[in-house]
Amino acid sequence: QDVKLRLRDVYGGTMESALQSGLTDLIGTHTSRQWIREGDDARFQAVVGADSGDNTTTVYAAVRKLGVAIPTKGRGIGAKQVQWVDFPDRDGEEISREYHWTLGPTRGSKGLRVFQFDSNWWKTFVTRRMKSPANSPGSLSLFGDASEHVHFATHCKGEYSKAVSADGRTVIEWMQTGKDNHLWDCLIGAHALSAKNGATLTGITVVSQQRDRRKVVIPASRMGG
């Protein structure tokens, strides 16, 4: 809210053209760098997800121009909706029922494959990681001193959750408080996209909401460590 320099101040033109130019520069900067993984010397290129929930056409245009980013979109699956684990297989689409994501063309994407994920499930997942004891398996911690992350923390408090029951199931649904939550959204999208690229947490349970209510526990041998 207190940003003094905006995209149109840098690039000029319309909001759409400034946004596309900004995305192009940002994506190009991050994908041209090599990143080092903590704990070893492995080097890799960044995988960039561009949120296409707003300004969808402009985001698609920027992704097409560079060809190295993935358009993303969070979908909050509520208790009254068909659950992710019960989504059908579709031609040309990858789906993870363990980690609640799909990758495939959508209406209006004109050939682009869009990465979609259940934002309710992922927000709950990340919150549990943040509440886990420090340094315990599956915990999430931030580098440095807490004072360095005050702004980030305020965005993480920009939403709240509540349990909603319908059709014989209970789902934790997330709502906005009206305050900024952009960095929280970035954190959630990054976790979901990392799952697409192989990050795992042992012991995820998949429970179908169909009438047979089948339960499948994904063994550690398939999930990694």
C-alpha atoms as a PDB file:
ATOM      1  CA  GLN A   1       0.000   0.000   0.000  1.00  0.00           C
ATOM      2  CA  ASP A   2       2.946   2.305   0.563  1.00  0.00           C
ATOM      3  CA  VAL A   3       4.784   1.452  -2.659  1.00  0.00           C
ATOM      4  CA  LYS A   4       6.231   4.644  -4.121  1.00  0.00           C
ATOM      5  CA  LEU A   5       7.333   3.224  -7.484  1.00  0.00           C
ATOM      6  CA  ARG A   6       4.858   1.298  -9.604  1.00  0.00           C
ATOM      7  CA  LEU A   7       5.186  -0.652 -12.835  1.00  0.00           C
ATOM      8  CA  ARG A   8       3.727   2.140 -14.948  1.00  0.00           C
ATOM      9  CA  ASP A   9       6.296   4.544 -13.470  1.00  0.00           C
ATOM     10  CA  VAL A  10       9.065   2.279 -14.769  1.00  0.00           C
ATOM     11  CA  TYR A  11       7.689   1.034 -18.070  1.00  0.00           C
ATOM     12  CA  GLY A  12       5.056   3.608 -18.988  1.00  0.00           C
ATOM     13  CA  GLY A  13       2.151   2.758 -21.279  1.00  0.00           C
ATOM     14  CA  THR A  14      -1.024   1.039 -20.128  1.00  0.00           C
ATOM     15  CA  MET A  15      -1.336  -1.035 -16.994  1.00  0.00           C
ATOM     16  CA  GLU A  16      -1.452  -4.202 -19.135  1.00  0.00           C
ATOM     17  CA  SER A  17       1.679  -3.367 -21.133  1.00  0.00           C
ATOM     18  CA  ALA A  18       3.570  -2.334 -17.986  1.00  0.00           C
ATOM     19  CA  LEU A  19       2.545  -5.569 -16.257  1.00  0.00           C
ATOM     20  CA  GLN A  20       3.657  -7.678 -19.201  1.00  0.00           C
ATOM     21  CA  SER A  21       7.012  -5.858 -19.359  1.00  0.00           C
ATOM     22  CA  GLY A  22       7.523  -6.271 -15.614  1.00  0.00           C
ATOM     23  CA  LEU A  23       6.696  -9.975 -15.739  1.00  0.00           C
ATOM     24  CA  THR A  24       8.998 -10.484 -18.702  1.00  0.00           C
ATOM     25  CA  ASP A  25      11.926  -8.855 -16.890  1.00  0.00           C
ATOM     26  CA  LEU A  26      11.230 -10.647 -13.607  1.00  0.00           C
ATOM     27  CA  ILE A  27      10.865 -14.075 -15.183  1.00  0.00           C
ATOM     28  CA  GLY A  28      13.942 -13.546 -17.344  1.00  0.00           C
ATOM     29  CA  THR A  29      16.043 -12.479 -14.358  1.00  0.00           C
ATOM     30  CA  HIS A  30      15.157 -15.493 -12.233  1.00  0.00           C
ATOM     31  CA  THR A  31      15.375 -18.152 -14.938  1.00  0.00           C
ATOM     32  CA  SER A  32      18.740 -16.922 -16.197  1.00  0.00           C
ATOM     33  CA  ARG A  33      20.370 -17.392 -12.782  1.00  0.00           C
ATOM     34  CA  GLN A  34      21.702 -20.558 -11.222  1.00  0.00           C
ATOM     35  CA  TRP A  35      20.490 -21.322  -7.718  1.00  0.00           C
ATOM     36  CA  ILE A  36      22.341 -23.296  -5.044  1.00  0.00           C
ATOM     37  CA  ARG A  37      20.481 -25.730  -2.831  1.00  0.00           C
ATOM     38  CA  GLU A  38      21.154 -25.524   0.898  1.00  0.00           C
ATOM     39  CA  GLY A  39      23.356 -28.325   2.198  1.00  0.00           C
ATOM     40  CA  ASP A  40      25.154 -29.228  -1.024  1.00  0.00           C
ATOM     41  CA  ASP A  41      26.640 -27.702  -4.156  1.00  0.00           C
ATOM     42  CA  ALA A  42      23.808 -28.708  -6.497  1.00  0.00           C
ATOM     43  CA  ARG A  43      22.989 -25.934  -8.928  1.00  0.00           C
ATOM     44  CA  PHE A  44      19.724 -25.614 -10.767  1.00  0.00           C
ATOM     45  CA  GLN A  45      17.582 -23.132 -12.629  1.00  0.00           C
ATOM     46  CA  ALA A  46      14.487 -21.651 -11.070  1.00  0.00           C
ATOM     47  CA  VAL A  47      11.034 -22.846 -12.044  1.00  0.00           C
ATOM     48  CA  VAL A  48       8.851 -19.745 -12.187  1.00  0.00           C
ATOM     49  CA  GLY A  49       5.109 -19.776 -11.716  1.00  0.00           C
ATOM     50  CA  ALA A  50       3.163 -16.699 -12.810  1.00  0.00           C
ATOM     51  CA  ASP A  51      -0.176 -16.256 -11.026  1.00  0.00           C
ATOM     52  CA  SER A  52      -2.840 -15.997 -13.717  1.00  0.00           C
ATOM     53  CA  GLY A  53      -5.807 -15.499 -11.406  1.00  0.00           C
ATOM     54  CA  ASP A  54      -5.900 -11.776 -12.260  1.00  0.00           C
ATOM     55  CA  ASN A  55      -4.954 -10.121 -15.552  1.00  0.00           C
ATOM     56  CA  THR A  56      -5.070 -13.602 -17.064  1.00  0.00           C
ATOM     57  CA  THR A  57      -4.627 -12.578 -20.713  1.00  0.00           C
ATOM     58  CA  THR A  58      -1.608 -10.401 -19.890  1.00  0.00           C
ATOM     59  CA  VAL A  59       0.043 -13.146 -17.840  1.00  0.00           C
ATOM     60  CA  TYR A  60      -0.511 -15.670 -20.622  1.00  0.00           C
ATOM     61  CA  ALA A  61       1.076 -13.271 -23.122  1.00  0.00           C
ATOM     62  CA  ALA A  62       4.182 -12.835 -20.942  1.00  0.00           C
ATOM     63  CA  VAL A  63       4.535 -16.600 -20.473  1.00  0.00           C
ATOM     64  CA  ARG A  64       4.206 -17.225 -24.208  1.00  0.00           C
ATOM     65  CA  LYS A  65       6.821 -14.585 -24.963  1.00  0.00           C
ATOM     66  CA  LEU A  66       9.490 -16.211 -22.818  1.00  0.00           C
ATOM     67  CA  GLY A  67       8.406 -19.840 -22.920  1.00  0.00           C
ATOM     68  CA  VAL A  68      10.069 -20.677 -19.604  1.00  0.00           C
ATOM     69  CA  ALA A  69       7.426 -19.908 -16.975  1.00  0.00           C
ATOM     70  CA  ILE A  70       4.258 -21.756 -15.977  1.00  0.00           C
ATOM     71  CA  PRO A  71       0.938 -19.917 -15.551  1.00  0.00           C
ATOM     72  CA  THR A  72      -0.579 -20.876 -12.203  1.00  0.00           C
ATOM     73  CA  LYS A  73      -3.962 -20.562 -10.551  1.00  0.00           C
ATOM     74  CA  GLY A  74      -5.117 -21.440  -7.044  1.00  0.00           C
ATOM     75  CA  ARG A  75      -8.590 -22.927  -6.665  1.00  0.00           C
ATOM     76  CA  GLY A  76     -10.129 -23.040  -3.213  1.00  0.00           C
ATOM     77  CA  ILE A  77     -12.032 -26.332  -3.155  1.00  0.00           C
ATOM     78  CA  GLY A  78     -14.704 -26.043  -0.466  1.00  0.00           C
ATOM     79  CA  ALA A  79     -16.732 -28.643   1.388  1.00  0.00           C
ATOM     80  CA  LYS A  80     -19.659 -28.358  -1.045  1.00  0.00           C
ATOM     81  CA  GLN A  81     -17.520 -29.014  -4.130  1.00  0.00           C
ATOM     82  CA  VAL A  82     -16.161 -32.173  -5.720  1.00  0.00           C
ATOM     83  CA  GLN A  83     -12.930 -32.901  -3.883  1.00  0.00           C
ATOM     84  CA  TRP A  84      -9.561 -32.982  -5.620  1.00  0.00           C
ATOM     85  CA  VAL A  85      -9.021 -36.685  -4.924  1.00  0.00           C
ATOM     86  CA  ASP A  86     -12.216 -37.402  -6.869  1.00  0.00           C
ATOM     87  CA  PHE A  87     -11.311 -35.375  -9.961  1.00  0.00           C
ATOM     88  CA  PRO A  88     -11.472 -37.569 -13.085  1.00  0.00           C
ATOM     89  CA  ASP A  89      -8.523 -38.174 -15.363  1.00  0.00           C
ATOM     90  CA  ARG A  90      -8.582 -35.913 -18.422  1.00  0.00           C
ATOM     91  CA  ASP A  91      -6.748 -36.250 -21.714  1.00  0.00           C
ATOM     92  CA  GLY A  92      -3.612 -34.100 -21.847  1.00  0.00           C
ATOM     93  CA  GLU A  93      -3.669 -33.340 -18.108  1.00  0.00           C
ATOM     94  CA  GLU A  94      -1.340 -34.433 -15.331  1.00  0.00           C
ATOM     95  CA  ILE A  95      -2.940 -34.766 -11.915  1.00  0.00           C
ATOM     96  CA  SER A  96      -1.651 -35.390  -8.403  1.00  0.00           C
ATOM     97  CA  ARG A  97      -4.359 -36.453  -5.966  1.00  0.00           C
ATOM     98  CA  GLU A  98      -1.760 -36.733  -3.215  1.00  0.00           C
ATOM     99  CA  TYR A  99      -0.647 -33.123  -3.558  1.00  0.00           C
ATOM    100  CA  HIS A 100      -3.778 -31.599  -5.067  1.00  0.00           C
ATOM    101  CA  TRP A 101      -2.496 -30.152  -8.332  1.00  0.00           C
ATOM    102  CA  THR A 102      -3.147 -30.472 -12.049  1.00  0.00           C
ATOM    103  CA  LEU A 103      -1.214 -29.352 -15.110  1.00  0.00           C
ATOM    104  CA  GLY A 104      -2.999 -29.061 -18.425  1.00  0.00           C
ATOM    105  CA  PRO A 105      -4.805 -26.770 -20.859  1.00  0.00           C
ATOM    106  CA  THR A 106      -7.828 -24.866 -19.600  1.00  0.00           C
ATOM    107  CA  ARG A 107     -10.591 -22.908 -21.244  1.00  0.00           C
ATOM    108  CA  GLY A 108      -9.046 -19.791 -22.748  1.00  0.00           C
ATOM    109  CA  SER A 109      -5.418 -20.833 -22.278  1.00  0.00           C
ATOM    110  CA  LYS A 110      -5.095 -21.495 -26.032  1.00  0.00           C
ATOM    111  CA  GLY A 111      -2.608 -24.324 -25.782  1.00  0.00           C
ATOM    112  CA  LEU A 112      -0.802 -23.173 -22.647  1.00  0.00           C
ATOM    113  CA  ARG A 113      -0.677 -25.722 -19.852  1.00  0.00           C
ATOM    114  CA  VAL A 114      -1.848 -24.110 -16.620  1.00  0.00           C
ATOM    115  CA  PHE A 115      -0.732 -25.345 -13.190  1.00  0.00           C
ATOM    116  CA  GLN A 116      -3.740 -25.365 -10.865  1.00  0.00           C
ATOM    117  CA  PHE A 117      -3.791 -26.330  -7.212  1.00  0.00           C
ATOM    118  CA  ASP A 118      -6.234 -26.550  -4.320  1.00  0.00           C
ATOM    119  CA  SER A 119      -5.385 -23.390  -2.388  1.00  0.00           C
ATOM    120  CA  ASN A 120      -7.442 -24.442   0.656  1.00  0.00           C
ATOM    121  CA  TRP A 121      -5.533 -27.713   0.982  1.00  0.00           C
ATOM    122  CA  TRP A 122      -2.155 -26.073   0.414  1.00  0.00           C
ATOM    123  CA  LYS A 123      -2.754 -23.221   2.857  1.00  0.00           C
ATOM    124  CA  THR A 124      -3.619 -25.749   5.534  1.00  0.00           C
ATOM    125  CA  PHE A 125      -0.594 -27.868   4.600  1.00  0.00           C
ATOM    126  CA  VAL A 126       1.832 -24.927   4.811  1.00  0.00           C
ATOM    127  CA  THR A 127       0.289 -23.689   8.068  1.00  0.00           C
ATOM    128  CA  ARG A 128       0.936 -27.088   9.620  1.00  0.00           C
ATOM    129  CA  ARG A 129       4.538 -26.923   8.440  1.00  0.00           C
ATOM    130  CA  MET A 130       4.943 -23.505  10.065  1.00  0.00           C
ATOM    131  CA  LYS A 131       3.409 -24.723  13.342  1.00  0.00           C
ATOM    132  CA  SER A 132       5.618 -27.813  13.545  1.00  0.00           C
ATOM    133  CA  PRO A 133       8.413 -27.714  16.156  1.00  0.00           C
ATOM    134  CA  ALA A 134      11.567 -26.079  14.810  1.00  0.00           C
ATOM    135  CA  ASN A 135      13.951 -28.481  13.056  1.00  0.00           C
ATOM    136  CA  SER A 136      11.472 -31.358  13.237  1.00  0.00           C
ATOM    137  CA  PRO A 137      10.742 -33.407  10.086  1.00  0.00           C
ATOM    138  CA  GLY A 138       8.367 -31.492   7.840  1.00  0.00           C
ATOM    139  CA  SER A 139       8.798 -28.162   9.635  1.00  0.00           C
ATOM    140  CA  LEU A 140       9.175 -24.838   7.834  1.00  0.00           C
ATOM    141  CA  SER A 141      11.483 -22.124   9.129  1.00  0.00           C
ATOM    142  CA  LEU A 142      12.803 -18.812   7.834  1.00  0.00           C
ATOM    143  CA  PHE A 143      16.417 -17.746   7.664  1.00  0.00           C
ATOM    144  CA  GLY A 144      18.013 -15.081   9.842  1.00  0.00           C
ATOM    145  CA  ASP A 145      16.381 -13.057  12.596  1.00  0.00           C
ATOM    146  CA  ALA A 146      12.627 -12.722  13.036  1.00  0.00           C
ATOM    147  CA  SER A 147      12.913  -8.955  12.655  1.00  0.00           C
ATOM    148  CA  GLU A 148      13.856  -9.490   9.009  1.00  0.00           C
ATOM    149  CA  HIS A 149      10.484 -11.055   8.237  1.00  0.00           C
ATOM    150  CA  VAL A 150       7.923  -8.749   9.840  1.00  0.00           C
ATOM    151  CA  HIS A 151       6.442  -7.621   6.521  1.00  0.00           C
ATOM    152  CA  PHE A 152       6.259 -11.218   5.297  1.00  0.00           C
ATOM    153  CA  ALA A 153       4.563 -12.255   8.550  1.00  0.00           C
ATOM    154  CA  THR A 154       1.863  -9.589   8.213  1.00  0.00           C
ATOM    155  CA  HIS A 155       0.948 -10.998   4.801  1.00  0.00           C
ATOM    156  CA  CYS A 156       0.780 -14.514   6.285  1.00  0.00           C
ATOM    157  CA  LYS A 157      -1.837 -13.142   8.698  1.00  0.00           C
ATOM    158  CA  GLY A 158      -3.873 -11.728   5.817  1.00  0.00           C
ATOM    159  CA  GLU A 159      -6.186 -14.757   5.810  1.00  0.00           C
ATOM    160  CA  TYR A 160      -7.940 -16.911   8.380  1.00  0.00           C
ATOM    161  CA  SER A 161      -9.378 -20.409   8.247  1.00  0.00           C
ATOM    162  CA  LYS A 162     -12.502 -22.142   9.473  1.00  0.00           C
ATOM    163  CA  ALA A 163     -13.822 -25.685   9.279  1.00  0.00           C
ATOM    164  CA  VAL A 164     -16.839 -26.013   6.989  1.00  0.00           C
ATOM    165  CA  SER A 165     -18.979 -29.164   6.905  1.00  0.00           C
ATOM    166  CA  ALA A 166     -21.211 -30.241   4.023  1.00  0.00           C
ATOM    167  CA  ASP A 167     -22.241 -33.469   2.310  1.00  0.00           C
ATOM    168  CA  GLY A 168     -20.735 -35.577   5.065  1.00  0.00           C
ATOM    169  CA  ARG A 169     -17.258 -34.061   4.967  1.00  0.00           C
ATOM    170  CA  THR A 170     -15.383 -31.255   6.674  1.00  0.00           C
ATOM    171  CA  VAL A 171     -12.949 -29.008   4.812  1.00  0.00           C
ATOM    172  CA  ILE A 172     -10.764 -26.227   6.192  1.00  0.00           C
ATOM    173  CA  GLU A 173     -11.580 -23.197   4.058  1.00  0.00           C
ATOM    174  CA  TRP A 174      -9.578 -19.965   3.944  1.00  0.00           C
ATOM    175  CA  MET A 175     -10.912 -16.412   3.775  1.00  0.00           C
ATOM    176  CA  GLN A 176      -9.253 -13.027   3.378  1.00  0.00           C
ATOM    177  CA  THR A 177      -9.205 -10.524   6.214  1.00  0.00           C
ATOM    178  CA  GLY A 178      -9.091  -7.564   3.831  1.00  0.00           C
ATOM    179  CA  LYS A 179      -5.402  -6.945   4.480  1.00  0.00           C
ATOM    180  CA  ASP A 180      -2.521  -7.599   2.088  1.00  0.00           C
ATOM    181  CA  ASN A 181      -1.808 -11.294   1.571  1.00  0.00           C
ATOM    182  CA  HIS A 182       0.319 -11.287  -1.594  1.00  0.00           C
ATOM    183  CA  LEU A 183       3.449 -12.802  -0.022  1.00  0.00           C
ATOM    184  CA  TRP A 184       1.313 -15.484   1.628  1.00  0.00           C
ATOM    185  CA  ASP A 185      -0.066 -16.366  -1.798  1.00  0.00           C
ATOM    186  CA  CYS A 186       3.487 -16.517  -3.173  1.00  0.00           C
ATOM    187  CA  LEU A 187       4.512 -18.902  -0.389  1.00  0.00           C
ATOM    188  CA  ILE A 188       1.550 -21.187  -1.069  1.00  0.00           C
ATOM    189  CA  GLY A 189       2.096 -21.221  -4.824  1.00  0.00           C
ATOM    190  CA  ALA A 190       5.811 -21.950  -4.378  1.00  0.00           C
ATOM    191  CA  HIS A 191       5.053 -24.961  -2.175  1.00  0.00           C
ATOM    192  CA  ALA A 192       2.511 -26.336  -4.631  1.00  0.00           C
ATOM    193  CA  LEU A 193       4.849 -25.867  -7.592  1.00  0.00           C
ATOM    194  CA  SER A 194       7.721 -27.493  -5.677  1.00  0.00           C
ATOM    195  CA  ALA A 195       5.538 -30.587  -5.249  1.00  0.00           C
ATOM    196  CA  LYS A 196       5.074 -30.668  -9.017  1.00  0.00           C
ATOM    197  CA  ASN A 197       8.876 -30.650  -9.315  1.00  0.00           C
ATOM    198  CA  GLY A 198       9.461 -33.541  -6.944  1.00  0.00           C
ATOM    199  CA  ALA A 199       9.407 -32.216  -3.363  1.00  0.00           C
ATOM    200  CA  THR A 200       7.579 -34.678  -1.125  1.00  0.00           C
ATOM    201  CA  LEU A 201       6.555 -35.264   2.478  1.00  0.00           C
ATOM    202  CA  THR A 202       6.292 -38.898   3.573  1.00  0.00           C
ATOM    203  CA  GLY A 203       2.907 -40.158   4.713  1.00  0.00           C
ATOM    204  CA  ILE A 204       0.370 -38.129   2.740  1.00  0.00           C
ATOM    205  CA  THR A 205      -3.024 -39.872   2.913  1.00  0.00           C
ATOM    206  CA  VAL A 206      -5.516 -39.792   0.041  1.00  0.00           C
ATOM    207  CA  VAL A 207      -9.160 -40.264   1.042  1.00  0.00           C
ATOM    208  CA  SER A 208     -11.812 -40.382  -1.652  1.00  0.00           C
ATOM    209  CA  GLN A 209     -15.103 -38.605  -0.943  1.00  0.00           C
ATOM    210  CA  GLN A 210     -17.072 -40.924  -3.237  1.00  0.00           C
ATOM    211  CA  ARG A 211     -19.607 -43.310  -1.748  1.00  0.00           C
ATOM    212  CA  ASP A 212     -17.160 -46.197  -1.472  1.00  0.00           C
ATOM    213  CA  ARG A 213     -14.924 -43.805   0.542  1.00  0.00           C
ATOM    214  CA  ARG A 214     -11.801 -45.721  -0.439  1.00  0.00           C
ATOM    215  CA  LYS A 215      -8.670 -44.825   1.510  1.00  0.00           C
ATOM    216  CA  VAL A 216      -5.202 -45.036   0.027  1.00  0.00           C
ATOM    217  CA  VAL A 217      -2.031 -44.419   2.029  1.00  0.00           C
ATOM    218  CA  ILE A 218       0.878 -43.554  -0.243  1.00  0.00           C
ATOM    219  CA  PRO A 219       3.854 -45.645   0.969  1.00  0.00           C
ATOM    220  CA  ALA A 220       7.171 -44.002   1.785  1.00  0.00           C
ATOM    221  CA  SER A 221       8.811 -45.853  -1.077  1.00  0.00           C
ATOM    222  CA  ARG A 222       6.723 -43.806  -3.510  1.00  0.00           C
ATOM    223  CA  MET A 223       6.835 -40.544  -1.601  1.00  0.00           C
ATOM    224  CA  GLY A 224      10.542 -40.042  -1.044  1.00  0.00           C
ATOM    225  CA  GLY A 225      11.831 -38.697   2.285  1.00  0.00           C
END
